[in-house]
Protein backbone atom coordinates (compact mmCIF):
# COMPACT_ATOMS: atom_id res chain seq x y z
CA UNK A 1 -66.60 -2.52 67.33
CA UNK A 2 -67.06 -2.43 63.59
CA UNK A 3 -63.92 -3.36 61.62
CA UNK A 4 -62.80 -0.86 58.98
CA UNK A 5 -63.42 -1.98 55.42
CA UNK A 6 -60.38 -3.33 53.56
CA UNK A 7 -60.35 -3.45 49.76
CA UNK A 8 -60.22 -6.95 48.30
CA UNK A 9 -56.77 -6.36 46.78
CA UNK A 10 -55.31 -5.59 50.22
CA UNK A 11 -56.97 -8.66 51.77
CA UNK A 12 -55.54 -10.89 49.05
CA UNK A 13 -52.13 -9.29 49.43
CA UNK A 14 -52.10 -9.90 53.20
CA UNK A 15 -53.25 -13.48 52.73
CA UNK A 16 -50.57 -14.08 50.13
CA UNK A 17 -47.88 -12.65 52.43
CA UNK A 18 -48.99 -14.89 55.28
CA UNK A 19 -48.81 -18.00 53.11
CA UNK A 20 -45.40 -17.00 51.78
CA UNK A 21 -44.06 -16.33 55.27
CA UNK A 22 -45.11 -19.81 56.39
CA UNK A 23 -43.28 -21.59 53.57
CA UNK A 24 -39.77 -22.94 54.30
CA UNK A 25 -37.22 -21.00 52.22
CA UNK A 26 -35.65 -24.32 51.21
CA UNK A 27 -38.73 -25.12 49.09
CA UNK A 28 -38.37 -23.01 45.92
CA UNK A 29 -41.30 -21.41 44.15
CA UNK A 30 -42.87 -22.22 40.81
CA UNK A 31 -40.52 -19.93 38.87
CA UNK A 32 -37.36 -21.57 40.22
CA UNK A 33 -34.95 -23.12 37.72
CA UNK A 34 -35.16 -26.89 37.47
CA UNK A 35 -32.40 -28.09 39.81
CA UNK A 36 -33.48 -25.87 42.70
CA UNK A 37 -36.26 -28.28 43.64
CA UNK A 38 -36.03 -30.24 46.87
CA UNK A 39 -34.50 -33.69 46.71
CA UNK A 40 -36.08 -36.98 47.69
CA UNK A 41 -34.82 -37.26 51.27
CA UNK A 42 -36.60 -36.17 54.42
CA UNK A 43 -34.41 -33.85 56.49
CA UNK A 44 -33.24 -34.13 60.07
CA UNK A 45 -31.71 -31.37 62.20
CA UNK A 46 -29.57 -31.35 65.31
CA UNK A 47 -27.04 -29.16 67.10
CA UNK A 48 -23.81 -30.07 68.78
CA UNK A 49 -21.08 -28.17 70.56
CA UNK A 50 -17.36 -28.39 69.89
CA UNK A 51 -14.66 -27.02 72.16
CA UNK A 52 -11.25 -26.06 70.82
CA UNK A 53 -8.86 -25.69 73.75
CA UNK A 54 -6.71 -22.62 74.36
CA UNK A 55 -7.26 -20.44 71.35
CA UNK A 56 -6.05 -16.87 71.01
CA UNK A 57 -8.97 -14.63 72.02
CA UNK A 58 -8.66 -11.34 70.16
CA UNK A 59 -11.66 -9.91 71.99
CA UNK A 60 -9.47 -9.82 75.11
CA UNK A 61 -6.64 -7.99 73.35
CA UNK A 62 -5.09 -5.33 75.61
CA UNK A 63 -3.85 -2.45 73.40
CA UNK A 64 -1.77 -1.05 76.28
CA UNK A 65 0.30 -4.18 76.87
CA UNK A 66 -0.20 -5.96 73.58
CA UNK A 67 -1.20 -9.11 75.49
CA UNK A 68 -3.70 -11.51 73.90
CA UNK A 69 -4.95 -14.17 76.32
CA UNK A 70 -5.92 -17.69 75.31
CA UNK A 71 -9.28 -19.24 76.20
CA UNK A 72 -11.20 -22.36 75.22
CA UNK A 73 -13.24 -21.63 72.08
CA UNK A 74 -16.79 -23.01 72.01
CA UNK A 75 -18.44 -23.52 68.64
CA UNK A 76 -22.05 -24.48 68.10
CA UNK A 77 -22.61 -26.52 64.93
CA UNK A 78 -26.04 -26.98 63.35
CA UNK A 79 -26.32 -30.12 61.24
CA UNK A 80 -28.89 -31.00 58.58
CA UNK A 81 -28.90 -34.53 57.17
CA UNK A 82 -30.94 -37.10 55.22
CA UNK A 83 -33.33 -38.67 57.71
CA UNK A 84 -36.11 -41.14 58.34
CA UNK A 85 -39.12 -39.24 59.64
CA UNK A 86 -42.75 -39.77 60.56
CA UNK A 87 -45.53 -37.98 58.74
CA UNK A 88 -46.82 -36.93 62.14
CA UNK A 89 -43.53 -35.29 63.13
CA UNK A 90 -43.73 -31.50 63.42
CA UNK A 91 -41.18 -29.52 61.36
CA UNK A 92 -38.96 -27.13 63.24
CA UNK A 93 -39.33 -23.38 63.40
CA UNK A 94 -35.90 -21.80 63.73
CA UNK A 95 -35.20 -18.70 65.79
CA UNK A 96 -32.23 -16.37 65.76
CA UNK A 97 -31.23 -12.73 65.85
CA UNK A 98 -29.05 -10.33 63.88
CA UNK A 99 -27.37 -7.17 65.06
CA UNK A 100 -29.77 -4.23 65.16
CA UNK A 101 -29.06 -0.76 63.88
CA UNK A 102 -27.10 1.04 66.64
CA UNK A 103 -28.20 1.86 69.25
CA UNK A 104 -31.13 -0.54 68.83
CA UNK A 105 -30.81 -4.03 70.35
CA UNK A 106 -30.49 -7.20 68.32
CA UNK A 107 -33.42 -8.00 66.03
CA UNK A 108 -34.96 -11.43 66.73
CA UNK A 109 -36.65 -13.42 63.99
CA UNK A 110 -38.01 -16.85 63.12
CA UNK A 111 -37.77 -18.96 59.97
CA UNK A 112 -40.13 -21.86 59.14
CA UNK A 113 -38.36 -25.11 58.36
CA UNK A 114 -39.13 -28.53 56.96
CA UNK A 115 -36.52 -30.43 59.01
CA UNK A 116 -37.45 -32.67 61.93
CA UNK A 117 -35.37 -32.10 65.04
CA UNK A 118 -33.24 -35.09 66.11
CA UNK A 119 -34.73 -37.34 63.42
CA UNK A 120 -33.05 -40.70 62.80
CA UNK A 121 -30.27 -40.41 60.18
CA UNK A 122 -30.83 -42.25 56.93
CA UNK A 123 -28.11 -43.95 54.92
CA UNK A 124 -24.36 -43.62 55.15
CA UNK A 125 -21.40 -42.26 53.26
CA UNK A 126 -23.01 -38.90 52.49
CA UNK A 127 -20.78 -36.04 51.30
CA UNK A 128 -20.11 -33.39 53.96
CA UNK A 129 -20.78 -29.70 53.27
CA UNK A 130 -19.42 -27.18 55.79
CA UNK A 131 -21.15 -23.77 55.77
CA UNK A 132 -19.70 -20.49 57.04
CA UNK A 133 -22.08 -17.55 57.54
CA UNK A 134 -21.52 -13.82 57.02
CA UNK A 135 -20.18 -11.38 59.60
CA UNK A 136 -22.46 -11.20 62.66
CA UNK A 137 -24.98 -13.51 60.94
CA UNK A 138 -25.98 -17.02 62.02
CA UNK A 139 -26.69 -20.24 60.06
CA UNK A 140 -30.43 -19.73 60.54
CA UNK A 141 -30.31 -17.10 57.82
CA UNK A 142 -29.15 -19.79 55.37
CA UNK A 143 -31.70 -22.58 55.84
CA UNK A 144 -32.75 -21.99 52.21
CA UNK A 145 -29.48 -23.76 51.40
CA UNK A 146 -28.85 -26.13 54.30
CA UNK A 147 -32.22 -27.89 54.25
CA UNK A 148 -32.32 -28.07 50.48
CA UNK A 149 -28.89 -29.71 50.21
CA UNK A 150 -29.73 -32.20 52.97
CA UNK A 151 -32.82 -33.24 51.00
CA UNK A 152 -30.45 -34.04 48.12
CA UNK A 153 -28.28 -36.43 50.13
CA UNK A 154 -25.70 -34.17 51.76
CA UNK A 155 -24.84 -33.80 55.42
CA UNK A 156 -24.58 -30.05 56.01
CA UNK A 157 -22.75 -28.62 59.03
CA UNK A 158 -23.04 -24.87 59.64
CA UNK A 159 -20.79 -23.08 62.13
CA UNK A 160 -21.75 -20.33 64.58
CA UNK A 161 -18.59 -18.20 64.45
CA UNK A 162 -19.41 -15.84 67.33
CA UNK A 163 -18.17 -12.69 65.64
CA UNK A 164 -17.10 -9.86 67.95
CA UNK A 165 -19.32 -6.83 68.46
CA UNK A 166 -18.31 -4.29 65.79
CA UNK A 167 -18.75 -1.49 68.34
CA UNK A 168 -15.76 -2.88 70.23
CA UNK A 169 -12.06 -2.29 69.51
CA UNK A 170 -11.35 -1.59 65.86
CA UNK A 171 -8.36 -3.94 65.99
CA UNK A 172 -10.65 -6.77 67.08
CA UNK A 173 -13.24 -5.99 64.44
CA UNK A 174 -10.63 -5.90 61.70
CA UNK A 175 -8.68 -8.96 62.68
CA UNK A 176 -10.81 -11.47 64.58
CA UNK A 177 -12.94 -12.72 61.65
CA UNK A 178 -9.90 -12.90 59.37
CA UNK A 179 -8.20 -15.11 61.93
CA UNK A 180 -11.10 -17.20 63.13
CA UNK A 181 -13.00 -18.00 59.93
CA UNK A 182 -10.36 -20.30 58.36
CA UNK A 183 -9.26 -21.68 61.73
CA UNK A 184 -12.86 -22.51 62.71
CA UNK A 185 -13.51 -24.16 59.36
CA UNK A 186 -10.30 -26.17 59.54
CA UNK A 187 -11.03 -27.31 63.09
CA UNK A 188 -14.59 -28.37 62.27
CA UNK A 189 -13.45 -30.25 59.16
CA UNK A 190 -10.90 -32.21 61.23
CA UNK A 191 -13.28 -32.90 64.12
CA UNK A 192 -16.60 -33.84 62.54
CA UNK A 193 -15.61 -37.09 60.80
CA UNK A 194 -15.05 -38.85 64.12
CA UNK A 195 -18.35 -37.53 65.50
CA UNK A 196 -20.47 -38.32 62.45
CA UNK A 197 -18.89 -41.69 61.72
CA UNK A 198 -20.39 -43.70 58.87
CA UNK A 199 -23.00 -41.02 58.24
CA UNK A 200 -20.48 -39.17 56.04
CA UNK A 201 -17.72 -39.93 53.58
CA UNK A 202 -14.74 -37.92 54.96
CA UNK A 203 -13.08 -37.91 51.53
CA UNK A 204 -15.96 -35.88 50.05
CA UNK A 205 -15.93 -32.45 51.69
CA UNK A 206 -17.17 -29.14 50.26
CA UNK A 207 -17.01 -25.64 51.77
CA UNK A 208 -19.71 -23.01 51.26
CA UNK A 209 -19.46 -19.48 52.62
CA UNK A 210 -21.19 -16.13 52.35
CA UNK A 211 -19.49 -12.73 52.75
CA UNK A 212 -16.93 -13.13 55.56
CA UNK A 213 -17.71 -16.84 55.32
CA UNK A 214 -16.77 -16.55 51.65
CA UNK A 215 -13.37 -15.25 52.70
CA UNK A 216 -13.17 -18.16 55.12
CA UNK A 217 -13.87 -20.91 52.59
CA UNK A 218 -11.56 -19.41 49.95
CA UNK A 219 -8.76 -19.33 52.52
CA UNK A 220 -9.52 -22.68 54.15
CA UNK A 221 -9.98 -24.14 50.67
CA UNK A 222 -6.41 -23.38 49.67
CA UNK A 223 -5.73 -19.67 49.10
CA UNK A 224 -2.69 -18.47 51.05
CA UNK A 225 -2.97 -15.15 52.87
CA UNK A 226 -0.47 -12.51 51.82
CA UNK A 227 1.87 -12.18 54.80
CA UNK A 228 2.68 -8.60 53.77
CA UNK A 229 -0.80 -7.61 52.69
CA UNK A 230 -3.07 -4.92 54.15
CA UNK A 231 -5.39 -7.44 55.80
CA UNK A 232 -2.65 -8.32 58.25
CA UNK A 233 -1.10 -4.85 58.67
CA UNK A 234 -4.53 -3.27 59.15
CA UNK A 235 -5.17 -5.02 62.43
CA UNK A 236 -2.20 -3.75 64.39
CA UNK A 237 -1.26 -6.11 67.23
CA UNK A 238 -4.03 -8.65 66.51
CA UNK A 239 -2.96 -8.62 62.87
CA UNK A 240 0.23 -10.37 63.92
CA UNK A 241 -1.93 -13.31 64.97
CA UNK A 242 -3.51 -13.36 61.51
CA UNK A 243 0.01 -13.45 60.07
CA UNK A 244 0.48 -16.84 61.74
CA UNK A 245 -2.03 -18.39 59.32
CA UNK A 246 -0.58 -16.57 56.30
CA UNK A 247 1.76 -18.22 53.81
CA UNK A 248 4.67 -19.71 55.73
CA UNK A 249 3.11 -18.98 59.11
CA UNK A 250 3.30 -21.55 61.93
CA UNK A 251 -0.49 -22.07 61.97
CA UNK A 252 -1.11 -22.02 58.23
CA UNK A 253 -1.86 -25.75 58.07
CA UNK A 254 -4.52 -25.39 60.80
CA UNK A 255 -6.39 -22.92 58.60
CA UNK A 256 -6.66 -25.33 55.66
CA UNK A 257 -9.03 -28.22 54.89
CA UNK A 258 -6.96 -31.03 53.46
CA UNK A 259 -8.44 -32.75 50.43
CA UNK A 260 -11.36 -30.35 50.00
CA UNK A 261 -13.27 -31.26 46.83
CA UNK A 262 -15.32 -28.11 46.18
CA UNK A 263 -15.63 -24.46 47.22
CA UNK A 264 -18.68 -22.20 46.86
CA UNK A 265 -18.10 -18.56 47.83
CA UNK A 266 -21.02 -16.11 47.73
CA UNK A 267 -20.10 -12.40 47.80
CA UNK A 268 -16.73 -13.29 49.32
CA UNK A 269 -15.00 -10.71 51.51
CA UNK A 270 -11.24 -10.25 51.63
CA UNK A 271 -10.40 -9.11 48.13
CA UNK A 272 -10.88 -5.39 48.74
CA UNK A 273 -8.54 -5.69 51.73
CA UNK A 274 -5.83 -7.54 49.85
CA UNK A 275 -6.14 -10.79 51.75
CA UNK A 276 -4.48 -12.78 48.95
CA UNK A 277 -2.03 -11.97 46.20
CA UNK A 278 -1.75 -13.75 42.85
CA UNK A 279 0.47 -16.47 44.27
CA UNK A 280 -1.96 -17.08 47.12
CA UNK A 281 -5.01 -17.46 44.87
CA UNK A 282 -3.07 -19.77 42.57
CA UNK A 283 -2.80 -22.21 45.48
CA UNK A 284 -6.50 -23.05 45.16
CA UNK A 285 -6.71 -26.43 43.45
CA UNK A 286 -10.29 -27.46 44.23
CA UNK A 287 -13.14 -26.65 41.81
CA UNK A 288 -14.83 -23.39 42.79
CA UNK A 289 -18.15 -21.65 42.18
CA UNK A 290 -18.18 -17.92 42.91
CA UNK A 291 -21.52 -16.09 43.18
CA UNK A 292 -21.84 -12.31 43.42
CA UNK A 293 -23.74 -9.19 42.47
CA UNK A 294 -21.82 -6.77 40.26
CA UNK A 295 -23.00 -3.80 42.34
CA UNK A 296 -21.82 -5.15 45.69
CA UNK A 297 -20.98 -2.07 47.79
CA UNK A 298 -20.00 -4.09 50.86
CA UNK A 299 -17.11 -6.27 49.66
CA UNK A 300 -16.76 -4.98 46.07
CA UNK A 301 -17.30 -7.15 43.02
CA UNK A 302 -14.19 -6.28 40.99
CA UNK A 303 -11.65 -6.84 43.76
CA UNK A 304 -13.76 -9.62 45.27
CA UNK A 305 -15.43 -12.42 43.34
CA UNK A 306 -14.26 -11.23 39.92
CA UNK A 307 -10.62 -10.96 41.03
CA UNK A 308 -10.72 -14.35 42.77
CA UNK A 309 -12.12 -15.88 39.59
CA UNK A 310 -9.30 -14.35 37.58
CA UNK A 311 -6.56 -15.26 40.04
CA UNK A 312 -7.45 -18.87 40.94
CA UNK A 313 -5.74 -20.11 37.79
CA UNK A 314 -5.28 -23.69 39.05
CA UNK A 315 -8.95 -24.21 39.88
CA UNK A 316 -11.73 -25.36 37.55
CA UNK A 317 -13.96 -22.41 38.36
CA UNK A 318 -17.23 -20.66 37.61
CA UNK A 319 -18.40 -17.11 38.25
CA UNK A 320 -22.17 -16.55 38.46
CA UNK A 321 -23.01 -12.84 38.42
CA UNK A 322 -26.34 -11.22 39.27
CA UNK A 323 -26.41 -8.02 37.26
CA UNK A 324 -27.28 -4.94 39.31
CA UNK A 325 -27.43 -6.98 42.53
CA UNK A 326 -25.64 -5.91 45.67
CA UNK A 327 -24.27 -7.87 48.61
CA UNK A 328 -27.41 -9.69 49.75
CA UNK A 329 -27.04 -12.88 47.72
CA UNK A 330 -26.52 -15.40 50.52
CA UNK A 331 -29.40 -15.11 52.99
CA UNK A 332 -32.99 -16.28 52.76
CA UNK A 333 -36.18 -14.22 52.28
CA UNK A 334 -36.84 -11.44 54.77
CA UNK A 335 -38.43 -12.87 57.94
CA UNK A 336 -41.71 -11.26 58.94
CA UNK A 337 -40.11 -9.80 62.08
CA UNK A 338 -37.46 -7.97 59.99
CA UNK A 339 -39.68 -5.98 57.63
CA UNK A 340 -40.37 -3.06 59.97
CA UNK A 341 -36.87 -1.53 59.85
CA UNK A 342 -34.86 -0.94 56.69
CA UNK A 343 -31.61 -1.93 58.46
CA UNK A 344 -33.11 -5.29 59.44
CA UNK A 345 -34.65 -5.89 56.03
CA UNK A 346 -31.42 -5.07 54.19
CA UNK A 347 -29.61 -7.95 55.86
CA UNK A 348 -31.71 -10.18 53.62
CA UNK A 349 -33.16 -8.17 50.73
CA UNK A 350 -31.56 -6.83 47.57
CA UNK A 351 -33.03 -3.55 46.26
CA UNK A 352 -33.39 -4.99 42.74
CA UNK A 353 -33.68 -8.78 42.94
CA UNK A 354 -36.26 -10.86 44.82
CA UNK A 355 -34.41 -12.81 47.50
CA UNK A 356 -36.30 -16.04 46.88
CA UNK A 357 -35.36 -15.73 43.21
CA UNK A 358 -31.67 -15.35 44.10
CA UNK A 359 -31.92 -18.38 46.41
CA UNK A 360 -33.52 -20.52 43.71
CA UNK A 361 -30.93 -19.64 41.08
CA UNK A 362 -28.12 -20.30 43.55
CA UNK A 363 -29.60 -23.68 44.46
CA UNK A 364 -29.87 -24.62 40.80
CA UNK A 365 -26.20 -24.00 40.11
CA UNK A 366 -24.86 -25.22 43.46
CA UNK A 367 -26.74 -28.50 42.91
CA UNK A 368 -25.17 -29.01 39.48
CA UNK A 369 -21.72 -27.98 40.74
CA UNK A 370 -21.67 -30.27 43.80
CA UNK A 371 -23.06 -33.18 41.79
CA UNK A 372 -19.82 -33.39 39.84
CA UNK A 373 -17.36 -32.18 42.48
CA UNK A 374 -18.58 -34.39 45.35
CA UNK A 375 -20.52 -37.20 43.71
CA UNK A 376 -18.28 -37.64 40.70
CA UNK A 377 -21.24 -37.47 38.31
CA UNK A 378 -21.40 -35.57 35.04
CA UNK A 379 -25.12 -35.95 34.27
CA UNK A 380 -25.86 -32.37 35.35
CA UNK A 381 -22.87 -30.74 33.65
CA UNK A 382 -25.06 -29.49 30.80
CA UNK A 383 -26.71 -27.12 33.29
CA UNK A 384 -23.31 -25.51 33.92
CA UNK A 385 -22.14 -25.50 30.31
CA UNK A 386 -24.41 -22.67 29.21
CA UNK A 387 -24.56 -21.65 25.54
CA UNK A 388 -24.32 -17.91 26.24
CA UNK A 389 -22.31 -16.11 28.92
CA UNK A 390 -25.08 -13.55 29.32
CA UNK A 391 -28.42 -15.19 30.05
CA UNK A 392 -30.27 -12.42 28.19
CA UNK A 393 -28.65 -13.55 24.93
CA UNK A 394 -30.34 -16.97 24.98
CA UNK A 395 -33.06 -17.59 22.40
CA UNK A 396 -36.08 -19.88 22.46
CA UNK A 397 -38.63 -19.69 19.66
CA UNK A 398 -42.21 -19.72 20.85
CA UNK A 399 -43.79 -23.17 20.76
CA UNK A 400 -47.57 -23.10 21.28
CA UNK A 401 -47.53 -26.80 22.19
CA UNK A 402 -45.05 -26.41 25.04
CA UNK A 403 -46.40 -25.76 28.56
CA UNK A 404 -45.92 -22.17 29.68
CA UNK A 405 -43.70 -23.28 32.57
CA UNK A 406 -41.57 -25.73 30.58
CA UNK A 407 -37.84 -25.82 31.28
CA UNK A 408 -35.33 -25.15 28.56
CA UNK A 409 -33.53 -28.27 27.32
CA UNK A 410 -30.89 -26.15 25.55
CA UNK A 411 -31.20 -28.40 22.47
CA UNK A 412 -32.46 -28.05 18.90
CA UNK A 413 -31.42 -24.43 18.58
CA UNK A 414 -32.62 -23.37 22.05
CA UNK A 415 -29.86 -21.42 23.80
CA UNK A 416 -31.78 -20.25 26.86
CA UNK A 417 -29.85 -21.65 29.81
CA UNK A 418 -30.84 -25.24 30.48
CA UNK A 419 -33.33 -25.66 33.31
CA UNK A 420 -34.67 -22.10 33.14
CA UNK A 421 -38.19 -21.24 32.07
CA UNK A 422 -39.05 -19.03 29.12
CA UNK A 423 -38.58 -15.33 29.95
CA UNK A 424 -36.99 -16.22 33.30
CA UNK A 425 -33.29 -16.51 32.38
CA UNK A 426 -32.65 -12.81 32.75
CA UNK A 427 -30.03 -10.55 34.30
CA UNK A 428 -27.34 -13.19 34.81
CA UNK A 429 -23.87 -14.05 33.59
CA UNK A 430 -22.05 -17.35 34.00
CA UNK A 431 -18.36 -17.61 33.17
CA UNK A 432 -16.15 -20.68 33.28
CA UNK A 433 -12.37 -21.02 33.30
CA UNK A 434 -10.45 -24.29 33.24
CA UNK A 435 -7.29 -24.71 35.33
CA UNK A 436 -3.98 -23.96 33.71
CA UNK A 437 -2.46 -27.05 32.02
C-alpha cells in the first residue's frame, strides 16, 4: 500500500517530538538557566517499603458510628542517589498512572530516566531530600527534580502517599491528605537514617513538596495547624483526627521533622482552606523557597504561596512567581501517553508556560537554595540575590562579541538575573524576606 505523502515540516515535527519524548526530563534543554544543568554524579535508583503500625485509616471511616479503625500503613519510597555505574548499564524507564477523568480509568504513562536501577551507592554523608507529591500523583511525575538533585550529590527519597479516591466519602477526601501528608513525612524522616546509614548525613535534611505535598512540607517543616481553622472543621468526624496534629494536639510532634534545614513548596495547598494562622506560619524557622504561578486556580496564589511568604516571618524565605502560570509548576513534561486527553495533559502542562521551561527554572533556583541551606556554601548566593524583583526589568546591553547563548554574570551594569540567557529571563518575579530580628 502506498503511504500518504507528508509535508517535510510535519515529518520534522514528528521526529523532533520523538527525540524530545525520549530525553529524561532531568536533563534540561539548551535554554535552561545555568544551574539547572545536571551535576557530576551518576544516578542510582531503588525502591523500598516502610510499614508504620496501627495508623488511623480514614478511608474506613464509618459516618454512621463515627468509628475510624486502625491498620498498618504501607509506604513505598523511591530513592535516587549518587552512584557508581557502568557505561553498559541500561537507564530505567519509569511507569506510573494518574487518575483519569471520571468515569475513565486511570491513565498509564512512562517517563524515560537516566538512573540505573540498584546501582552501587557512591560516597557518604550526602544531604537527604524528602519529596512529597501532589494529590493523587506519584513521584514518577517528578523525576525532572529527583534525578537532577541526585546527580548533584543529594540522596532523594520520594514518598507514595496513597491518596484516597476522590469519588469516595467527602469527609475522607477533605481530611485524609491533611492528616497523612505531615505524618508520612515525619515518619519517613525518622525512619530513613537508620536504613540509609552512612550514605546520608541525618543532620542535613530538606523537604520538597508540590501542591498537597507543598502543604505537607510546610506543615512538617514547622507550621502549626490552626486547631480552630476550617481545614479541621471541614472534615467532620475525620477532621477531629487532623486536630490531633494541630497546635497543642497529642500527635503534633509526629507531624514535624526535627532539625529540618530547608523547605521548598511548589504551589502549596492549604492556604485557601485556612490550614495555618499567623501564629502557625511564624513557627517556621527553616529557610524556605516558595514557587507558584500567580494564576493558580487550584490552590490560589494569594491565600497560598503569597500568604505563606508573608506570614513565615521567622524564616529566611524566597517567593519565585511565574506570571500568568497556573497550578502545573511541579510535574515534568507531558508524557506521550497523556497527550490524547486534555484532562490527562493538564496534570502536567500549563496553558501559558512550557513545562520543561518551568522545570529548568525551578532546578536553577532550587540548586542555589539547597547549596546554602544544606551544604553551608554561599558561592551560589549571587544567583538568588537578583538585581530586579521582576525579571523583565533586567537590562543587558548587546555585546556582539558575546556568544548568543551566554549566561548573564549580573556584573558591570548587567542586571538580567544571573545565570539566565539574553531574552530568556522573562515573566518571573523573585522576592526575598529575611527573618525578623
